[in-house]
Amino acid sequence: PESTHLGDCPICMMPLQLDIKKSAIMSCCSKVICCGCSHGTIRGGKASLDFPCPFCRKSTRIIDEDAMKQRLKRVGANDPVAMYQEGTFQFEDGNYERSFEHFIKAAELGHVEAHNLLSRMYNNGQGVEKDNGKAIHHVEEATIGGHPTARYNLGVYEWNNDRNDRAVKHWIIAANQGDDDSIKALMEAFKRGFIYKEVLAVALRAHQTAVDATKSPQREAAEEFYRNAV
C-alpha cells in the first residue's frame, strides 16, 4: 500500500494507523509508536509497572506534569513533534493563538500534520484571520507530505470547484492509503458517472490492503484493553 505521512511504528515496523488516537508520542524523546507496542512492549498491559522508554531509556512512569516538562524541553530544542503536540494541547484548551504559533513552527520544520491543522485554522479563522489562499497552501503541503485526510480535503476543494477529474485522482490516491472518507467520495462519484466501475473496484481493494497492513493481534489486544478500561 501507499505510505502515509505517519510512516511505520519504529518497534514493530508496521504502518501506523491513520487514527492518531491509536498511537502514542513518547514525551521523553518524541518517538511515535503504535498502540500495540505502547501497550505490549512498554507497559505489558500493566500501567503500574515502570518500563523504560525503548529509545532513550527514560522511565515511562511519570505524571502529567513531568510529561509536560519533558515536552516543553523538547519544544525549546526545536523538536517539531513536541511543537505539534504542544499545539494540540493548546488548541484543546481553546488557546488558538498559542496553538497556531506552535503549529507554524512545527510546519516550518516539516511536520506534515501541523500543515494539515494550519489549513483548518486558516479556513475557520481560529487563532488567525481567515485566509483561503493560505488554507489551500497548507493543505497542499500536507498532501505532498503524504497526508491522506489532507488529500481527501483537497479533492473536496477541487470537486466543489467543478474540477471533478482532479478530485477523483486525489481520492484514489488517498483511498490507496486507507482513507475511509475518500472511498465514500469515490462511491458517490461513481453514482454520478465520474468514475468507472473497474477503477472503483481497484480503489476498494487497495484501500482494504492498506487497512489490513495496519492490523495485528497485538494492536487488536491493545484496543480491546483500552476499550474495557474506559
Protein backbone atom coordinates (compact mmCIF):
# COMPACT_ATOMS: atom_id res chain seq x y z
CA PRO A 1 0.00 0.00 0.00
CA GLU A 2 0.91 3.67 -0.40
CA SER A 3 2.86 5.02 2.58
CA THR A 4 1.43 7.92 4.58
CA HIS A 5 2.98 10.84 6.45
CA LEU A 6 2.88 8.76 9.62
CA GLY A 7 5.30 6.11 8.41
CA ASP A 8 5.89 2.90 10.35
CA CYS A 9 5.99 2.15 14.05
CA PRO A 10 9.73 2.06 14.87
CA ILE A 11 9.27 -1.03 17.06
CA CYS A 12 7.03 -3.44 15.12
CA MET A 13 7.83 -1.80 11.74
CA MET A 14 4.16 -1.92 10.68
CA PRO A 15 2.42 1.14 9.18
CA LEU A 16 0.95 3.40 11.84
CA GLN A 17 -2.84 3.63 11.84
CA LEU A 18 -4.46 6.77 10.43
CA ASP A 19 -6.37 7.28 13.67
CA ILE A 20 -3.73 9.16 15.67
CA LYS A 21 -5.52 8.18 18.89
CA LYS A 22 -4.19 4.68 18.25
CA SER A 23 -0.58 5.85 18.52
CA ALA A 24 1.45 7.26 21.39
CA ILE A 25 4.01 10.06 21.40
CA MET A 26 6.82 9.47 23.88
CA SER A 27 7.18 12.79 25.71
CA CYS A 28 10.78 11.96 26.60
CA CYS A 29 12.09 11.64 23.03
CA SER A 30 9.10 12.39 20.72
CA LYS A 31 9.12 8.95 19.12
CA VAL A 32 5.70 7.86 17.84
CA ILE A 33 4.76 4.21 18.39
CA CYS A 34 1.58 2.22 17.77
CA CYS A 35 -0.90 1.33 20.50
CA GLY A 36 0.12 -2.33 20.29
CA CYS A 37 3.76 -1.60 21.10
CA SER A 38 2.85 1.04 23.67
CA HIS A 39 0.65 -1.46 25.46
CA GLY A 40 2.71 -4.59 24.96
CA THR A 41 6.34 -3.53 24.86
CA ILE A 42 6.34 -0.66 27.31
CA ARG A 43 3.61 -1.43 29.82
CA GLY A 44 2.92 -5.08 29.21
CA GLY A 45 -0.73 -4.32 29.88
CA LYS A 46 0.05 -3.20 33.46
CA ALA A 47 0.30 0.55 33.82
CA SER A 48 1.66 0.23 37.36
CA LEU A 49 4.96 -1.20 36.15
CA ASP A 50 7.87 1.08 35.41
CA PHE A 51 9.13 0.32 31.91
CA PRO A 52 11.93 2.38 30.35
CA CYS A 53 11.40 4.06 27.01
CA PRO A 54 12.76 1.66 24.35
CA PHE A 55 14.57 4.56 22.67
CA CYS A 56 16.05 6.91 25.27
CA ARG A 57 15.66 4.53 28.26
CA LYS A 58 13.97 7.15 30.45
CA SER A 59 11.19 6.00 32.78
CA THR A 60 7.69 5.92 31.24
CA ARG A 61 6.10 6.01 34.69
CA ILE A 62 5.67 9.77 35.02
CA ILE A 63 2.87 12.14 35.95
CA ASP A 64 1.30 14.62 33.50
CA GLU A 65 3.32 17.50 34.95
CA ASP A 66 6.58 15.69 34.27
CA ALA A 67 5.44 14.82 30.75
CA MET A 68 4.67 18.49 30.15
CA LYS A 69 8.15 19.50 31.36
CA GLN A 70 9.75 16.94 29.04
CA ARG A 71 7.61 18.12 26.13
CA LEU A 72 8.38 21.81 26.69
CA LYS A 73 12.08 20.99 26.97
CA ARG A 74 11.91 19.41 23.53
CA VAL A 75 9.89 22.36 22.21
CA GLY A 76 12.80 24.55 23.31
CA ALA A 77 15.11 22.27 21.35
CA ASN A 78 13.06 22.89 18.17
CA ASP A 79 11.57 19.39 18.09
CA PRO A 80 8.71 19.55 15.53
CA VAL A 81 6.84 16.61 17.07
CA ALA A 82 6.88 18.24 20.51
CA MET A 83 5.80 21.56 18.97
CA TYR A 84 2.91 19.86 17.21
CA GLN A 85 1.89 18.05 20.40
CA GLU A 86 2.01 21.24 22.47
CA GLY A 87 -0.04 22.94 19.76
CA THR A 88 -2.74 20.29 20.04
CA PHE A 89 -2.91 20.70 23.83
CA GLN A 90 -3.21 24.47 23.47
CA PHE A 91 -5.91 24.03 20.82
CA GLU A 92 -7.92 21.69 23.06
CA ASP A 93 -7.74 24.30 25.84
CA GLY A 94 -9.07 26.96 23.46
CA ASN A 95 -5.76 28.85 23.27
CA TYR A 96 -5.91 29.10 19.48
CA GLU A 97 -3.31 31.83 19.04
CA ARG A 98 -0.69 29.92 21.05
CA SER A 99 -1.69 26.74 19.24
CA PHE A 100 -1.21 28.49 15.90
CA GLU A 101 2.26 29.64 16.90
CA HIS A 102 3.35 26.10 17.73
CA PHE A 103 1.85 24.65 14.55
CA ILE A 104 3.55 27.29 12.39
CA LYS A 105 6.96 26.46 13.88
CA ALA A 106 6.34 22.71 13.54
CA ALA A 107 5.25 23.14 9.91
CA GLU A 108 8.37 25.19 9.13
CA LEU A 109 10.37 22.21 10.38
CA GLY A 110 8.46 19.85 8.09
CA HIS A 111 5.76 18.41 10.35
CA VAL A 112 3.02 17.26 7.97
CA GLU A 113 0.14 17.06 10.46
CA ALA A 114 0.91 20.64 11.53
CA HIS A 115 0.39 21.76 7.93
CA ASN A 116 -2.95 19.96 7.87
CA LEU A 117 -4.13 21.63 11.09
CA LEU A 118 -2.91 25.04 9.96
CA SER A 119 -5.08 24.64 6.88
CA ARG A 120 -8.11 24.13 9.13
CA MET A 121 -7.21 27.08 11.33
CA TYR A 122 -6.84 29.41 8.35
CA ASN A 123 -10.09 28.07 6.92
CA ASN A 124 -12.02 28.56 10.18
CA GLY A 125 -10.27 31.71 11.41
CA GLN A 126 -9.06 30.08 14.64
CA GLY A 127 -6.13 31.95 16.16
CA VAL A 128 -5.58 33.74 12.87
CA GLU A 129 -7.59 35.67 10.30
CA LYS A 130 -9.37 33.60 7.71
CA ASP A 131 -7.27 33.19 4.60
CA ASN A 132 -8.42 30.75 1.93
CA GLY A 133 -5.18 31.06 -0.02
CA LYS A 134 -3.05 30.07 2.97
CA ALA A 135 -5.51 27.32 3.88
CA ILE A 136 -5.05 25.82 0.42
CA HIS A 137 -1.27 26.26 0.63
CA HIS A 138 -1.02 24.28 3.85
CA VAL A 139 -3.40 21.54 2.73
CA GLU A 140 -1.31 21.17 -0.42
CA GLU A 141 1.87 20.95 1.67
CA ALA A 142 0.26 18.28 3.83
CA THR A 143 -0.87 16.42 0.72
CA ILE A 144 2.64 16.47 -0.72
CA GLY A 145 3.84 15.08 2.61
CA GLY A 146 1.57 12.05 2.23
CA HIS A 147 -1.35 13.08 4.47
CA PRO A 148 -4.44 11.16 3.25
CA THR A 149 -7.01 13.34 5.04
CA ALA A 150 -5.43 16.46 3.58
CA ARG A 151 -5.54 14.88 0.12
CA TYR A 152 -9.20 13.99 0.65
CA ASN A 153 -9.92 17.60 1.64
CA LEU A 154 -8.03 18.87 -1.40
CA GLY A 155 -10.20 16.57 -3.50
CA VAL A 156 -13.31 18.10 -1.94
CA TYR A 157 -11.98 21.55 -2.81
CA GLU A 158 -11.41 20.51 -6.42
CA TRP A 159 -14.84 18.87 -6.59
CA ASN A 160 -16.57 21.99 -5.29
CA ASN A 161 -14.80 24.00 -7.98
CA ASP A 162 -16.02 21.66 -10.75
CA ARG A 163 -12.63 20.03 -11.28
CA ASN A 164 -14.10 16.58 -10.87
CA ASP A 165 -11.33 14.62 -12.60
CA ARG A 166 -8.69 16.12 -10.32
CA ALA A 167 -10.86 15.43 -7.28
CA VAL A 168 -11.24 11.78 -8.24
CA LYS A 169 -7.47 11.41 -8.69
CA HIS A 170 -6.87 12.80 -5.22
CA TRP A 171 -9.46 10.48 -3.70
CA ILE A 172 -8.00 7.42 -5.42
CA ILE A 173 -4.55 8.17 -4.01
CA ALA A 174 -5.97 8.80 -0.52
CA ALA A 175 -8.04 5.62 -0.73
CA ASN A 176 -4.86 3.70 -1.56
CA GLN A 177 -3.52 4.99 1.76
CA GLY A 178 -6.54 3.67 3.66
CA ASP A 179 -8.66 6.82 3.92
CA ASP A 180 -12.32 5.92 4.51
CA ASP A 181 -13.78 9.28 3.50
CA SER A 182 -12.13 9.04 0.09
CA ILE A 183 -13.77 5.68 -0.52
CA LYS A 184 -17.16 7.22 0.29
CA ALA A 185 -16.41 10.11 -2.07
CA LEU A 186 -15.38 7.73 -4.86
CA MET A 187 -18.59 5.75 -4.45
CA GLU A 188 -20.58 8.97 -4.76
CA ALA A 189 -18.53 9.95 -7.82
CA PHE A 190 -19.29 6.53 -9.31
CA LYS A 191 -23.01 7.07 -8.82
CA ARG A 192 -22.71 10.35 -10.72
CA GLY A 193 -20.75 8.77 -13.55
CA PHE A 194 -17.34 10.32 -12.88
CA ILE A 195 -15.50 7.04 -12.35
CA TYR A 196 -15.64 3.61 -13.99
CA LYS A 197 -16.75 0.56 -12.05
CA GLU A 198 -13.41 -1.15 -12.66
CA VAL A 199 -11.46 1.83 -11.30
CA LEU A 200 -13.64 1.91 -8.20
CA ALA A 201 -13.09 -1.82 -7.66
CA VAL A 202 -9.31 -1.37 -7.81
CA ALA A 203 -9.53 1.51 -5.32
CA LEU A 204 -11.64 -0.58 -2.95
CA ARG A 205 -9.11 -3.42 -3.00
CA ALA A 206 -6.20 -1.05 -2.49
CA HIS A 207 -7.99 0.62 0.41
CA GLN A 208 -8.61 -2.73 2.10
CA THR A 209 -4.98 -3.73 1.60
CA ALA A 210 -3.82 -0.50 3.27
CA VAL A 211 -6.19 -1.00 6.22
CA ASP A 212 -5.17 -4.66 6.65
CA ALA A 213 -1.49 -3.65 6.67
CA THR A 214 -2.06 -1.74 9.91
CA LYS A 215 -3.70 -4.66 11.75
CA SER A 216 -2.01 -7.09 14.11
CA PRO A 217 -3.06 -9.29 17.05
CA GLN A 218 -1.00 -7.06 19.36
CA ARG A 219 -2.80 -3.91 18.24
CA GLU A 220 -6.20 -5.57 18.48
CA ALA A 221 -5.39 -6.74 22.02
CA ALA A 222 -4.33 -3.22 22.98
CA GLU A 223 -7.50 -1.67 21.57
CA GLU A 224 -9.61 -4.22 23.45
CA PHE A 225 -7.71 -3.49 26.67
CA TYR A 226 -8.26 0.26 26.39
CA ARG A 227 -11.94 -0.14 25.46
CA ASN A 228 -12.55 -2.20 28.59
CA ALA A 229 -10.54 0.23 30.70
CA VAL A 230 -12.81 3.16 29.80
